[in-house]
Amino acid sequence: MMSSLNHASQYYTSMATVPNLAKEWADRGQYTTWTSTVPENARFGPLDVFTICAGNIDNPAILFIHGYPTSSFDFRELFEELSQDYYVCAIDTPGYGFSSKPRDGYVYSIHDDARLVDHVVREVLKLDKFALFTHDKGDTVGFALLALYQNYSECPYQITHHFITNGNVYLPMAQLTQLQKQLLDPVSGPALSSNLNGTILAQALATLTYSKTLSSDEIASLASIFDYQDGANVQHDVIQYLNQRSQFEVGWLETLHKSDVPTTIIWGEQDQISPIRVPDYVWTTYLKSRNHVSTYWRLPQANHYLQNDAPRVVASIVNSELRSANDLDLRNEEAYRVF
């Protein structure tokens, strides 16, 4: 059930200087509630989960799942590119964006996030079919959702296409930053998180993970979203997803291998955290030889946040794959397909 109370919009009413991009995104969203399926989280009760949709509900749907440490806000440019032809929706998972950011022992879980997405698809958005577009940590949530999807005896929805973008989907080949390692660590992580704020995180991302130069409003918007419910201070808790990734990643990749959903990898080649050897390995080992449609695109000009560095190119690839078109309007230096 959707709530008429928009907590994110209220958050910006008391600010002296409002970051326009973030407030516009907040104003367009809605809230639903979610109670974690993790037994240790029972005492926390229902959480507020931010969702956002754009476009005509009668058009084919695309569901976006964001990465760490950001939110659905990452997809604002793709929403603009794709909402004329598709019904586009995104979710902020707990601990991120404008959703609740519980602490004091709350267990953030990839499996729980996947169950949340499954619930939102069935009970909130009521989608019969949709393409799944994931990024970074969202890739991992997408794999866990794919496992749920395969385990249904009669699935109430159809995933029509699976888009996987920059993320550490095979950790042995990843290149975590020093900050990520320190946040993950059980000793340094809690202390470091307690001293972080949105501005520090936003500026670090702007320096390391984009090929374009972010505007002052983009940086301020990112910072304000991190600061919603003091979200910078839960970074040690939410980054623990990497330990879950390490524990379950082979099984999740095997789930991807046996999936009958058409799958496309799109990767920004300038990414130093999730370097190109990561998708190369997943493509060669789990996708290239399977019996179902698989494609792999590289974007030489894009970094980790390829959807912000090259939104038109990414949208063109999405359009091409969903329409099975062969007349992709891209110059060779913008993107190329790996065979």
C-alpha atoms as a PDB file:
ATOM      1  CA  MET A   1       0.000   0.000   0.000  1.00  0.00           C
ATOM      2  CA  MET A   2       1.282   3.425  -0.931  1.00  0.00           C
ATOM      3  CA  SER A   3       1.381   6.204   1.665  1.00  0.00           C
ATOM      4  CA  SER A   4       0.172   9.744   0.985  1.00  0.00           C
ATOM      5  CA  LEU A   5       2.881  11.109   3.307  1.00  0.00           C
ATOM      6  CA  ASN A   6       6.067  11.944   1.432  1.00  0.00           C
ATOM      7  CA  HIS A   7       8.819  12.023   4.057  1.00  0.00           C
ATOM      8  CA  ALA A   8      11.464  12.945   1.482  1.00  0.00           C
ATOM      9  CA  SER A   9       9.625  16.083   0.394  1.00  0.00           C
ATOM     10  CA  GLN A  10       9.185  17.138   4.016  1.00  0.00           C
ATOM     11  CA  TYR A  11      12.914  16.663   4.597  1.00  0.00           C
ATOM     12  CA  TYR A  12      13.727  19.511   2.189  1.00  0.00           C
ATOM     13  CA  THR A  13      11.227  22.033   3.549  1.00  0.00           C
ATOM     14  CA  SER A  14      13.520  23.094   6.404  1.00  0.00           C
ATOM     15  CA  MET A  15      16.666  23.577   4.308  1.00  0.00           C
ATOM     16  CA  ALA A  16      17.956  27.088   3.730  1.00  0.00           C
ATOM     17  CA  THR A  17      19.575  26.074   0.435  1.00  0.00           C
ATOM     18  CA  VAL A  18      17.715  23.294  -1.327  1.00  0.00           C
ATOM     19  CA  PRO A  19      19.493  21.117  -3.935  1.00  0.00           C
ATOM     20  CA  ASN A  20      17.026  21.268  -6.785  1.00  0.00           C
ATOM     21  CA  LEU A  21      17.719  17.929  -8.445  1.00  0.00           C
ATOM     22  CA  ALA A  22      17.298  15.944  -5.239  1.00  0.00           C
ATOM     23  CA  LYS A  23      14.156  17.797  -4.174  1.00  0.00           C
ATOM     24  CA  GLU A  24      12.559  17.282  -7.590  1.00  0.00           C
ATOM     25  CA  TRP A  25      13.310  13.557  -7.311  1.00  0.00           C
ATOM     26  CA  ALA A  26      11.914  13.430  -3.780  1.00  0.00           C
ATOM     27  CA  ASP A  27       8.727  15.234  -4.790  1.00  0.00           C
ATOM     28  CA  ARG A  28       8.039  12.696  -7.541  1.00  0.00           C
ATOM     29  CA  GLY A  29       8.268   9.672  -5.257  1.00  0.00           C
ATOM     30  CA  GLN A  30       5.903   7.800  -2.978  1.00  0.00           C
ATOM     31  CA  TYR A  31       6.229   5.599   0.082  1.00  0.00           C
ATOM     32  CA  THR A  32       5.218   2.075   0.917  1.00  0.00           C
ATOM     33  CA  THR A  33       5.975   0.035   4.028  1.00  0.00           C
ATOM     34  CA  TRP A  34       8.075  -3.097   4.394  1.00  0.00           C
ATOM     35  CA  THR A  35       8.704  -5.367   7.359  1.00  0.00           C
ATOM     36  CA  SER A  36      12.006  -7.195   7.149  1.00  0.00           C
ATOM     37  CA  THR A  37      11.924 -10.989   6.793  1.00  0.00           C
ATOM     38  CA  VAL A  38      15.178 -11.313   8.784  1.00  0.00           C
ATOM     39  CA  PRO A  39      14.284 -12.662  12.273  1.00  0.00           C
ATOM     40  CA  GLU A  40      16.839 -10.404  14.000  1.00  0.00           C
ATOM     41  CA  ASN A  41      15.026  -7.366  12.579  1.00  0.00           C
ATOM     42  CA  ALA A  42      11.599  -8.169  14.044  1.00  0.00           C
ATOM     43  CA  ARG A  43      11.916  -5.515  16.762  1.00  0.00           C
ATOM     44  CA  PHE A  44      12.286  -2.739  14.190  1.00  0.00           C
ATOM     45  CA  GLY A  45       8.784  -3.115  12.763  1.00  0.00           C
ATOM     46  CA  PRO A  46       7.693  -1.642   9.415  1.00  0.00           C
ATOM     47  CA  LEU A  47      10.129   0.512   7.450  1.00  0.00           C
ATOM     48  CA  ASP A  48       9.328   3.283   4.985  1.00  0.00           C
ATOM     49  CA  VAL A  49      10.454   2.437   1.455  1.00  0.00           C
ATOM     50  CA  PHE A  50      10.746   5.129  -1.214  1.00  0.00           C
ATOM     51  CA  THR A  51       9.542   4.240  -4.710  1.00  0.00           C
ATOM     52  CA  ILE A  52       9.360   6.350  -7.844  1.00  0.00           C
ATOM     53  CA  CYS A  53       7.794   5.796 -11.265  1.00  0.00           C
ATOM     54  CA  ALA A  54       7.470   7.805 -14.477  1.00  0.00           C
ATOM     55  CA  GLY A  55       5.843   7.336 -17.850  1.00  0.00           C
ATOM     56  CA  ASN A  56       2.648   5.689 -19.039  1.00  0.00           C
ATOM     57  CA  ILE A  57       1.660   2.695 -16.913  1.00  0.00           C
ATOM     58  CA  ASP A  58       0.371   0.974 -20.061  1.00  0.00           C
ATOM     59  CA  ASN A  59       3.841   0.988 -21.656  1.00  0.00           C
ATOM     60  CA  PRO A  60       6.373  -1.830 -21.164  1.00  0.00           C
ATOM     61  CA  ALA A  61       7.920  -1.549 -17.701  1.00  0.00           C
ATOM     62  CA  ILE A  62      11.543  -1.309 -16.585  1.00  0.00           C
ATOM     63  CA  LEU A  63      12.455  -1.742 -12.913  1.00  0.00           C
ATOM     64  CA  PHE A  64      15.731  -0.198 -11.701  1.00  0.00           C
ATOM     65  CA  ILE A  65      17.702  -1.353  -8.646  1.00  0.00           C
ATOM     66  CA  HIS A  66      20.473   0.968  -7.422  1.00  0.00           C
ATOM     67  CA  GLY A  67      23.915   0.278  -6.022  1.00  0.00           C
ATOM     68  CA  TYR A  68      26.069   1.075  -3.002  1.00  0.00           C
ATOM     69  CA  PRO A  69      26.204   3.664  -1.516  1.00  0.00           C
ATOM     70  CA  THR A  70      23.714   5.654  -3.580  1.00  0.00           C
ATOM     71  CA  SER A  71      20.028   5.347  -4.501  1.00  0.00           C
ATOM     72  CA  SER A  72      17.346   5.497  -7.169  1.00  0.00           C
ATOM     73  CA  PHE A  73      18.512   9.073  -7.813  1.00  0.00           C
ATOM     74  CA  ASP A  74      21.262   7.498  -9.963  1.00  0.00           C
ATOM     75  CA  PHE A  75      18.649   6.769 -12.622  1.00  0.00           C
ATOM     76  CA  ARG A  76      17.155  10.234 -13.013  1.00  0.00           C
ATOM     77  CA  GLU A  77      18.731  10.750 -16.457  1.00  0.00           C
ATOM     78  CA  LEU A  78      17.686   7.310 -17.690  1.00  0.00           C
ATOM     79  CA  PHE A  79      14.155   8.084 -16.495  1.00  0.00           C
ATOM     80  CA  GLU A  80      14.157  11.138 -18.746  1.00  0.00           C
ATOM     81  CA  GLU A  81      15.569   9.180 -21.678  1.00  0.00           C
ATOM     82  CA  LEU A  82      13.233   6.188 -21.366  1.00  0.00           C
ATOM     83  CA  SER A  83       9.963   7.396 -19.831  1.00  0.00           C
ATOM     84  CA  GLN A  84       8.473   8.425 -23.169  1.00  0.00           C
ATOM     85  CA  ASP A  85       8.369   4.793 -24.312  1.00  0.00           C
ATOM     86  CA  TYR A  86       8.443   2.829 -21.054  1.00  0.00           C
ATOM     87  CA  TYR A  87       6.945   2.826 -17.589  1.00  0.00           C
ATOM     88  CA  VAL A  88      10.085   3.215 -15.471  1.00  0.00           C
ATOM     89  CA  CYS A  89      10.194   2.521 -11.737  1.00  0.00           C
ATOM     90  CA  ALA A  90      12.882   2.382  -9.044  1.00  0.00           C
ATOM     91  CA  ILE A  91      13.163   1.531  -5.350  1.00  0.00           C
ATOM     92  CA  ASP A  92      15.437   2.760  -2.568  1.00  0.00           C
ATOM     93  CA  THR A  93      16.298  -0.327  -0.536  1.00  0.00           C
ATOM     94  CA  PRO A  94      16.502   0.110   3.282  1.00  0.00           C
ATOM     95  CA  GLY A  95      19.614   1.983   4.365  1.00  0.00           C
ATOM     96  CA  TYR A  96      19.777   3.962   1.129  1.00  0.00           C
ATOM     97  CA  GLY A  97      18.324   7.067  -0.456  1.00  0.00           C
ATOM     98  CA  PHE A  98      15.027   8.257   0.981  1.00  0.00           C
ATOM     99  CA  SER A  99      14.089   4.940   2.588  1.00  0.00           C
ATOM    100  CA  SER A 100      14.400   4.198   6.305  1.00  0.00           C
ATOM    101  CA  LYS A 101      17.973   3.837   7.551  1.00  0.00           C
ATOM    102  CA  PRO A 102      17.704   1.819  10.761  1.00  0.00           C
ATOM    103  CA  ARG A 103      20.763   1.169  12.921  1.00  0.00           C
ATOM    104  CA  ASP A 104      21.485  -0.271  16.388  1.00  0.00           C
ATOM    105  CA  GLY A 105      21.736  -3.852  15.216  1.00  0.00           C
ATOM    106  CA  TYR A 106      19.550  -3.866  12.109  1.00  0.00           C
ATOM    107  CA  VAL A 107      20.768  -6.595   9.746  1.00  0.00           C
ATOM    108  CA  TYR A 108      20.950  -5.380   6.143  1.00  0.00           C
ATOM    109  CA  SER A 109      20.481  -8.388   3.881  1.00  0.00           C
ATOM    110  CA  ILE A 110      20.670  -8.962   0.134  1.00  0.00           C
ATOM    111  CA  HIS A 111      18.110 -11.774   0.405  1.00  0.00           C
ATOM    112  CA  ASP A 112      15.793  -9.440   2.314  1.00  0.00           C
ATOM    113  CA  ASP A 113      16.215  -6.760  -0.360  1.00  0.00           C
ATOM    114  CA  ALA A 114      15.295  -9.311  -3.036  1.00  0.00           C
ATOM    115  CA  ARG A 115      12.149 -10.248  -1.119  1.00  0.00           C
ATOM    116  CA  LEU A 116      11.340  -6.534  -0.818  1.00  0.00           C
ATOM    117  CA  VAL A 117      11.673  -6.063  -4.580  1.00  0.00           C
ATOM    118  CA  ASP A 118       9.518  -9.146  -5.203  1.00  0.00           C
ATOM    119  CA  HIS A 119       6.886  -7.722  -2.816  1.00  0.00           C
ATOM    120  CA  VAL A 120       6.922  -4.281  -4.426  1.00  0.00           C
ATOM    121  CA  VAL A 121       6.588  -5.785  -7.904  1.00  0.00           C
ATOM    122  CA  ARG A 122       3.618  -7.963  -6.883  1.00  0.00           C
ATOM    123  CA  GLU A 123       1.776  -5.921  -4.278  1.00  0.00           C
ATOM    124  CA  VAL A 124       2.673  -2.269  -4.855  1.00  0.00           C
ATOM    125  CA  LEU A 125       3.512  -1.708  -8.514  1.00  0.00           C
ATOM    126  CA  LYS A 126       1.484  -4.757  -9.599  1.00  0.00           C
ATOM    127  CA  LEU A 127       3.667  -5.419 -12.628  1.00  0.00           C
ATOM    128  CA  ASP A 128       2.805  -8.426 -14.770  1.00  0.00           C
ATOM    129  CA  LYS A 129       6.052  -8.174 -16.698  1.00  0.00           C
ATOM    130  CA  PHE A 130       9.105  -5.936 -16.664  1.00  0.00           C
ATOM    131  CA  ALA A 131      12.729  -5.597 -17.716  1.00  0.00           C
ATOM    132  CA  LEU A 132      15.175  -5.577 -14.794  1.00  0.00           C
ATOM    133  CA  PHE A 133      18.009  -3.013 -14.835  1.00  0.00           C
ATOM    134  CA  THR A 134      20.547  -3.247 -12.012  1.00  0.00           C
ATOM    135  CA  HIS A 135      23.708  -1.414 -11.005  1.00  0.00           C
ATOM    136  CA  ASP A 136      26.504  -2.156  -8.508  1.00  0.00           C
ATOM    137  CA  LYS A 137      25.021  -3.639  -5.294  1.00  0.00           C
ATOM    138  CA  GLY A 138      21.748  -3.772  -7.207  1.00  0.00           C
ATOM    139  CA  ASP A 139      23.321  -6.429  -9.447  1.00  0.00           C
ATOM    140  CA  THR A 140      23.602  -8.656  -6.395  1.00  0.00           C
ATOM    141  CA  VAL A 141      20.007  -7.939  -5.351  1.00  0.00           C
ATOM    142  CA  GLY A 142      19.014  -8.753  -8.927  1.00  0.00           C
ATOM    143  CA  PHE A 143      20.733 -12.139  -8.769  1.00  0.00           C
ATOM    144  CA  ALA A 144      18.964 -12.956  -5.483  1.00  0.00           C
ATOM    145  CA  LEU A 145      15.660 -11.860  -7.070  1.00  0.00           C
ATOM    146  CA  LEU A 146      16.426 -14.105 -10.045  1.00  0.00           C
ATOM    147  CA  ALA A 147      16.800 -17.035  -7.648  1.00  0.00           C
ATOM    148  CA  LEU A 148      13.359 -16.261  -6.152  1.00  0.00           C
ATOM    149  CA  TYR A 149      11.958 -15.959  -9.670  1.00  0.00           C
ATOM    150  CA  GLN A 150      13.306 -19.370 -10.666  1.00  0.00           C
ATOM    151  CA  ASN A 151      11.935 -20.993  -7.504  1.00  0.00           C
ATOM    152  CA  TYR A 152       8.333 -19.956  -8.134  1.00  0.00           C
ATOM    153  CA  SER A 153       6.195 -22.890  -9.287  1.00  0.00           C
ATOM    154  CA  GLU A 154       3.959 -20.335 -11.010  1.00  0.00           C
ATOM    155  CA  CYS A 155       5.566 -16.917 -11.035  1.00  0.00           C
ATOM    156  CA  PRO A 156       3.088 -14.017 -10.807  1.00  0.00           C
ATOM    157  CA  TYR A 157       5.229 -11.893 -13.130  1.00  0.00           C
ATOM    158  CA  GLN A 158       7.652 -12.216 -16.039  1.00  0.00           C
ATOM    159  CA  ILE A 159      11.143 -10.716 -16.219  1.00  0.00           C
ATOM    160  CA  THR A 160      11.449  -9.922 -19.908  1.00  0.00           C
ATOM    161  CA  HIS A 161      15.103  -8.829 -19.937  1.00  0.00           C
ATOM    162  CA  HIS A 162      17.948  -8.567 -17.426  1.00  0.00           C
ATOM    163  CA  PHE A 163      20.398  -5.658 -17.722  1.00  0.00           C
ATOM    164  CA  ILE A 164      23.539  -5.833 -15.548  1.00  0.00           C
ATOM    165  CA  THR A 165      25.783  -2.782 -15.219  1.00  0.00           C
ATOM    166  CA  ASN A 166      28.986  -1.844 -13.370  1.00  0.00           C
ATOM    167  CA  GLY A 167      29.314  -3.617 -10.036  1.00  0.00           C
ATOM    168  CA  ASN A 168      31.570  -6.075  -8.263  1.00  0.00           C
ATOM    169  CA  VAL A 169      29.710  -9.171  -9.373  1.00  0.00           C
ATOM    170  CA  TYR A 170      32.808 -11.340  -8.885  1.00  0.00           C
ATOM    171  CA  LEU A 171      34.763 -10.093  -5.883  1.00  0.00           C
ATOM    172  CA  PRO A 172      38.072 -11.943  -6.497  1.00  0.00           C
ATOM    173  CA  MET A 173      38.581  -9.651  -9.509  1.00  0.00           C
ATOM    174  CA  ALA A 174      37.287  -6.452  -7.903  1.00  0.00           C
ATOM    175  CA  GLN A 175      39.468  -3.569  -6.765  1.00  0.00           C
ATOM    176  CA  LEU A 176      37.892  -2.108  -3.646  1.00  0.00           C
ATOM    177  CA  THR A 177      38.948   1.365  -2.548  1.00  0.00           C
ATOM    178  CA  GLN A 178      40.751   1.912   0.732  1.00  0.00           C
ATOM    179  CA  LEU A 179      37.625   3.622   2.074  1.00  0.00           C
ATOM    180  CA  GLN A 180      35.474   0.593   1.226  1.00  0.00           C
ATOM    181  CA  LYS A 181      37.935  -1.746   2.948  1.00  0.00           C
ATOM    182  CA  GLN A 182      38.033   0.434   6.056  1.00  0.00           C
ATOM    183  CA  LEU A 183      34.230   0.706   6.185  1.00  0.00           C
ATOM    184  CA  LEU A 184      33.876  -3.061   5.803  1.00  0.00           C
ATOM    185  CA  ASP A 185      36.321  -3.780   8.606  1.00  0.00           C
ATOM    186  CA  PRO A 186      34.656  -4.644  11.972  1.00  0.00           C
ATOM    187  CA  VAL A 187      37.158  -2.500  13.902  1.00  0.00           C
ATOM    188  CA  SER A 188      37.644   0.592  11.762  1.00  0.00           C
ATOM    189  CA  GLY A 189      34.235   0.540  10.081  1.00  0.00           C
ATOM    190  CA  PRO A 190      31.947   1.710  12.912  1.00  0.00           C
ATOM    191  CA  ALA A 191      34.277   4.531  13.979  1.00  0.00           C
ATOM    192  CA  LEU A 192      34.795   5.703  10.415  1.00  0.00           C
ATOM    193  CA  SER A 193      31.069   5.637   9.671  1.00  0.00           C
ATOM    194  CA  SER A 194      30.313   7.749  12.720  1.00  0.00           C
ATOM    195  CA  ASN A 195      32.548  10.511  11.340  1.00  0.00           C
ATOM    196  CA  LEU A 196      31.234  10.522   7.782  1.00  0.00           C
ATOM    197  CA  ASN A 197      28.742  12.951   6.317  1.00  0.00           C
ATOM    198  CA  GLY A 198      27.023  13.335   2.984  1.00  0.00           C
ATOM    199  CA  THR A 199      29.439  15.944   1.662  1.00  0.00           C
ATOM    200  CA  ILE A 200      32.476  13.717   2.233  1.00  0.00           C
ATOM    201  CA  LEU A 201      30.811  10.775   0.484  1.00  0.00           C
ATOM    202  CA  ALA A 202      29.477  12.844  -2.411  1.00  0.00           C
ATOM    203  CA  GLN A 203      32.836  14.473  -3.108  1.00  0.00           C
ATOM    204  CA  ALA A 204      34.636  11.121  -2.944  1.00  0.00           C
ATOM    205  CA  LEU A 205      32.233   9.637  -5.479  1.00  0.00           C
ATOM    206  CA  ALA A 206      32.474  12.691  -7.738  1.00  0.00           C
ATOM    207  CA  THR A 207      36.263  12.329  -7.821  1.00  0.00           C
ATOM    208  CA  LEU A 208      36.530   8.568  -8.331  1.00  0.00           C
ATOM    209  CA  THR A 209      33.465   7.148 -10.034  1.00  0.00           C
ATOM    210  CA  TYR A 210      32.298   9.503 -12.801  1.00  0.00           C
ATOM    211  CA  SER A 211      33.991  10.381 -16.060  1.00  0.00           C
ATOM    212  CA  LYS A 212      31.970  13.602 -16.295  1.00  0.00           C
ATOM    213  CA  THR A 213      32.388  16.538 -13.925  1.00  0.00           C
ATOM    214  CA  LEU A 214      29.435  16.751 -11.572  1.00  0.00           C
ATOM    215  CA  SER A 215      27.743  20.109 -11.147  1.00  0.00           C
ATOM    216  CA  SER A 216      27.532  21.767  -7.739  1.00  0.00           C
ATOM    217  CA  ASP A 217      23.825  20.898  -7.611  1.00  0.00           C
ATOM    218  CA  GLU A 218      24.532  17.248  -8.406  1.00  0.00           C
ATOM    219  CA  ILE A 219      27.094  17.030  -5.596  1.00  0.00           C
ATOM    220  CA  ALA A 220      24.818  18.871  -3.159  1.00  0.00           C
ATOM    221  CA  SER A 221      21.941  16.599  -4.147  1.00  0.00           C
ATOM    222  CA  LEU A 222      23.982  13.467  -3.548  1.00  0.00           C
ATOM    223  CA  ALA A 223      25.155  14.850  -0.200  1.00  0.00           C
ATOM    224  CA  SER A 224      21.623  15.681   0.917  1.00  0.00           C
ATOM    225  CA  ILE A 225      20.387  12.178   0.075  1.00  0.00           C
ATOM    226  CA  PHE A 226      23.247  10.611   2.045  1.00  0.00           C
ATOM    227  CA  ASP A 227      22.365  12.899   4.960  1.00  0.00           C
ATOM    228  CA  TYR A 228      18.704  11.857   4.969  1.00  0.00           C
ATOM    229  CA  GLN A 229      18.266  10.175   8.383  1.00  0.00           C
ATOM    230  CA  ASP A 230      22.057  10.504   8.846  1.00  0.00           C
ATOM    231  CA  GLY A 231      22.612   7.821   6.253  1.00  0.00           C
ATOM    232  CA  ALA A 232      26.364   8.381   6.079  1.00  0.00           C
ATOM    233  CA  ASN A 233      26.588   6.918   9.583  1.00  0.00           C
ATOM    234  CA  VAL A 234      25.177   3.501   8.552  1.00  0.00           C
ATOM    235  CA  GLN A 235      27.835   2.863   5.918  1.00  0.00           C
ATOM    236  CA  HIS A 236      29.585   0.159   7.959  1.00  0.00           C
ATOM    237  CA  ASP A 237      26.285  -1.695   8.262  1.00  0.00           C
ATOM    238  CA  VAL A 238      25.145  -1.466   4.654  1.00  0.00           C
ATOM    239  CA  ILE A 239      28.531  -2.313   3.087  1.00  0.00           C
ATOM    240  CA  GLN A 240      28.372  -5.710   4.780  1.00  0.00           C
ATOM    241  CA  TYR A 241      26.549  -6.806   1.641  1.00  0.00           C
ATOM    242  CA  LEU A 242      30.037  -7.477   0.252  1.00  0.00           C
ATOM    243  CA  ASN A 243      30.473 -10.299   2.773  1.00  0.00           C
ATOM    244  CA  GLN A 244      27.145 -11.760   1.658  1.00  0.00           C
ATOM    245  CA  ARG A 245      28.288 -11.310  -1.933  1.00  0.00           C
ATOM    246  CA  SER A 246      31.448 -13.287  -1.219  1.00  0.00           C
ATOM    247  CA  GLN A 247      29.525 -16.053   0.527  1.00  0.00           C
ATOM    248  CA  PHE A 248      26.856 -16.588  -2.118  1.00  0.00           C
ATOM    249  CA  GLU A 249      28.326 -15.192  -5.345  1.00  0.00           C
ATOM    250  CA  VAL A 250      29.166 -18.498  -7.066  1.00  0.00           C
ATOM    251  CA  GLY A 251      25.630 -19.756  -6.493  1.00  0.00           C
ATOM    252  CA  TRP A 252      24.170 -16.478  -7.742  1.00  0.00           C
ATOM    253  CA  LEU A 253      26.310 -16.583 -10.880  1.00  0.00           C
ATOM    254  CA  GLU A 254      25.211 -20.159 -11.497  1.00  0.00           C
ATOM    255  CA  THR A 255      21.629 -18.907 -11.167  1.00  0.00           C
ATOM    256  CA  LEU A 256      22.462 -16.358 -13.864  1.00  0.00           C
ATOM    257  CA  HIS A 257      23.947 -19.089 -16.066  1.00  0.00           C
ATOM    258  CA  LYS A 258      20.788 -21.207 -15.984  1.00  0.00           C
ATOM    259  CA  SER A 259      18.435 -18.233 -16.353  1.00  0.00           C
ATOM    260  CA  ASP A 260      16.269 -18.240 -19.478  1.00  0.00           C
ATOM    261  CA  VAL A 261      15.814 -14.446 -19.281  1.00  0.00           C
ATOM    262  CA  PRO A 262      17.603 -12.572 -22.115  1.00  0.00           C
ATOM    263  CA  THR A 263      20.569 -10.875 -20.458  1.00  0.00           C
ATOM    264  CA  THR A 264      22.702  -7.875 -21.360  1.00  0.00           C
ATOM    265  CA  ILE A 265      25.856  -6.640 -19.645  1.00  0.00           C
ATOM    266  CA  ILE A 266      26.627  -2.929 -20.154  1.00  0.00           C
ATOM    267  CA  TRP A 267      29.918  -1.713 -18.668  1.00  0.00           C
ATOM    268  CA  GLY A 268      31.797   1.561 -18.374  1.00  0.00           C
ATOM    269  CA  GLU A 269      35.427   0.758 -19.167  1.00  0.00           C
ATOM    270  CA  GLN A 270      36.921   3.558 -17.044  1.00  0.00           C
ATOM    271  CA  ASP A 271      35.765   1.921 -13.812  1.00  0.00           C
ATOM    272  CA  GLN A 272      38.713   1.216 -11.491  1.00  0.00           C
ATOM    273  CA  ILE A 273      36.618  -0.263  -8.650  1.00  0.00           C
ATOM    274  CA  SER A 274      34.735  -2.763 -10.797  1.00  0.00           C
ATOM    275  CA  PRO A 275      37.333  -3.097 -13.574  1.00  0.00           C
ATOM    276  CA  ILE A 276      36.629  -4.589 -16.965  1.00  0.00           C
ATOM    277  CA  ARG A 277      38.103  -7.952 -15.956  1.00  0.00           C
ATOM    278  CA  VAL A 278      35.000  -8.456 -13.756  1.00  0.00           C
ATOM    279  CA  PRO A 279      32.398  -8.461 -16.577  1.00  0.00           C
ATOM    280  CA  ASP A 280      34.850 -10.219 -18.910  1.00  0.00           C
ATOM    281  CA  TYR A 281      35.007 -13.105 -16.445  1.00  0.00           C
ATOM    282  CA  VAL A 282      31.234 -13.254 -15.923  1.00  0.00           C
ATOM    283  CA  TRP A 283      30.607 -13.050 -19.669  1.00  0.00           C
ATOM    284  CA  THR A 284      33.110 -15.757 -20.560  1.00  0.00           C
ATOM    285  CA  THR A 285      32.301 -18.109 -17.685  1.00  0.00           C
ATOM    286  CA  TYR A 286      28.551 -17.775 -17.218  1.00  0.00           C
ATOM    287  CA  LEU A 287      26.862 -16.076 -20.169  1.00  0.00           C
ATOM    288  CA  LYS A 288      28.649 -16.485 -23.491  1.00  0.00           C
ATOM    289  CA  SER A 289      28.072 -20.230 -23.782  1.00  0.00           C
ATOM    290  CA  ARG A 290      24.577 -20.499 -22.340  1.00  0.00           C
ATOM    291  CA  ASN A 291      21.626 -21.458 -24.528  1.00  0.00           C
ATOM    292  CA  HIS A 292      19.713 -18.216 -24.071  1.00  0.00           C
ATOM    293  CA  VAL A 293      20.146 -14.729 -25.527  1.00  0.00           C
ATOM    294  CA  SER A 294      23.112 -12.883 -24.024  1.00  0.00           C
ATOM    295  CA  THR A 295      24.884  -9.700 -25.120  1.00  0.00           C
ATOM    296  CA  TYR A 296      27.779  -7.657 -23.759  1.00  0.00           C
ATOM    297  CA  TRP A 297      28.387  -3.956 -24.398  1.00  0.00           C
ATOM    298  CA  ARG A 298      31.340  -1.800 -23.385  1.00  0.00           C
ATOM    299  CA  LEU A 299      31.341   2.002 -23.091  1.00  0.00           C
ATOM    300  CA  PRO A 300      34.913   3.357 -23.425  1.00  0.00           C
ATOM    301  CA  GLN A 301      33.956   6.861 -22.241  1.00  0.00           C
ATOM    302  CA  ALA A 302      32.083   5.839 -19.076  1.00  0.00           C
ATOM    303  CA  ASN A 303      33.165   5.208 -15.495  1.00  0.00           C
ATOM    304  CA  HIS A 304      31.361   3.325 -12.698  1.00  0.00           C
ATOM    305  CA  TYR A 305      28.212   5.466 -12.968  1.00  0.00           C
ATOM    306  CA  LEU A 306      27.784   4.828 -16.681  1.00  0.00           C
ATOM    307  CA  GLN A 307      24.072   5.722 -16.483  1.00  0.00           C
ATOM    308  CA  ASN A 308      25.091   9.282 -15.561  1.00  0.00           C
ATOM    309  CA  ASP A 309      28.203   9.532 -17.726  1.00  0.00           C
ATOM    310  CA  ALA A 310      26.468   8.318 -20.899  1.00  0.00           C
ATOM    311  CA  PRO A 311      22.696   8.157 -20.348  1.00  0.00           C
ATOM    312  CA  ARG A 312      21.799   8.509 -24.031  1.00  0.00           C
ATOM    313  CA  VAL A 313      24.111   5.674 -25.006  1.00  0.00           C
ATOM    314  CA  VAL A 314      22.846   3.398 -22.248  1.00  0.00           C
ATOM    315  CA  ALA A 315      19.237   4.213 -23.162  1.00  0.00           C
ATOM    316  CA  SER A 316      19.952   3.446 -26.821  1.00  0.00           C
ATOM    317  CA  ILE A 317      21.344   0.038 -25.897  1.00  0.00           C
ATOM    318  CA  VAL A 318      18.323  -0.671 -23.696  1.00  0.00           C
ATOM    319  CA  ASN A 319      15.998   0.313 -26.541  1.00  0.00           C
ATOM    320  CA  SER A 320      17.923  -1.820 -28.994  1.00  0.00           C
ATOM    321  CA  GLU A 321      17.917  -4.909 -26.803  1.00  0.00           C
ATOM    322  CA  LEU A 322      14.256  -4.619 -25.854  1.00  0.00           C
ATOM    323  CA  ARG A 323      13.181  -4.038 -29.432  1.00  0.00           C
ATOM    324  CA  SER A 324      15.665  -6.504 -30.975  1.00  0.00           C
ATOM    325  CA  ALA A 325      16.730  -3.704 -33.302  1.00  0.00           C
ATOM    326  CA  ASN A 326      19.821  -3.831 -35.464  1.00  0.00           C
ATOM    327  CA  ASP A 327      20.036  -0.135 -36.335  1.00  0.00           C
ATOM    328  CA  LEU A 328      21.625   1.145 -33.131  1.00  0.00           C
ATOM    329  CA  ASP A 329      22.491   4.809 -33.589  1.00  0.00           C
ATOM    330  CA  LEU A 330      25.871   4.870 -31.857  1.00  0.00           C
ATOM    331  CA  ARG A 331      29.296   5.873 -33.069  1.00  0.00           C
ATOM    332  CA  ASN A 332      32.063   3.334 -32.553  1.00  0.00           C
ATOM    333  CA  GLU A 333      33.767   5.441 -29.915  1.00  0.00           C
ATOM    334  CA  GLU A 334      30.574   5.605 -27.788  1.00  0.00           C
ATOM    335  CA  ALA A 335      29.904   1.887 -27.335  1.00  0.00           C
ATOM    336  CA  TYR A 336      30.805  -1.416 -28.864  1.00  0.00           C
ATOM    337  CA  ARG A 337      29.465  -4.910 -28.522  1.00  0.00           C
ATOM    338  CA  VAL A 338      31.693  -7.810 -27.442  1.00  0.00           C
ATOM    339  CA  PHE A 339      31.260 -11.075 -29.344  1.00  0.00           C
END
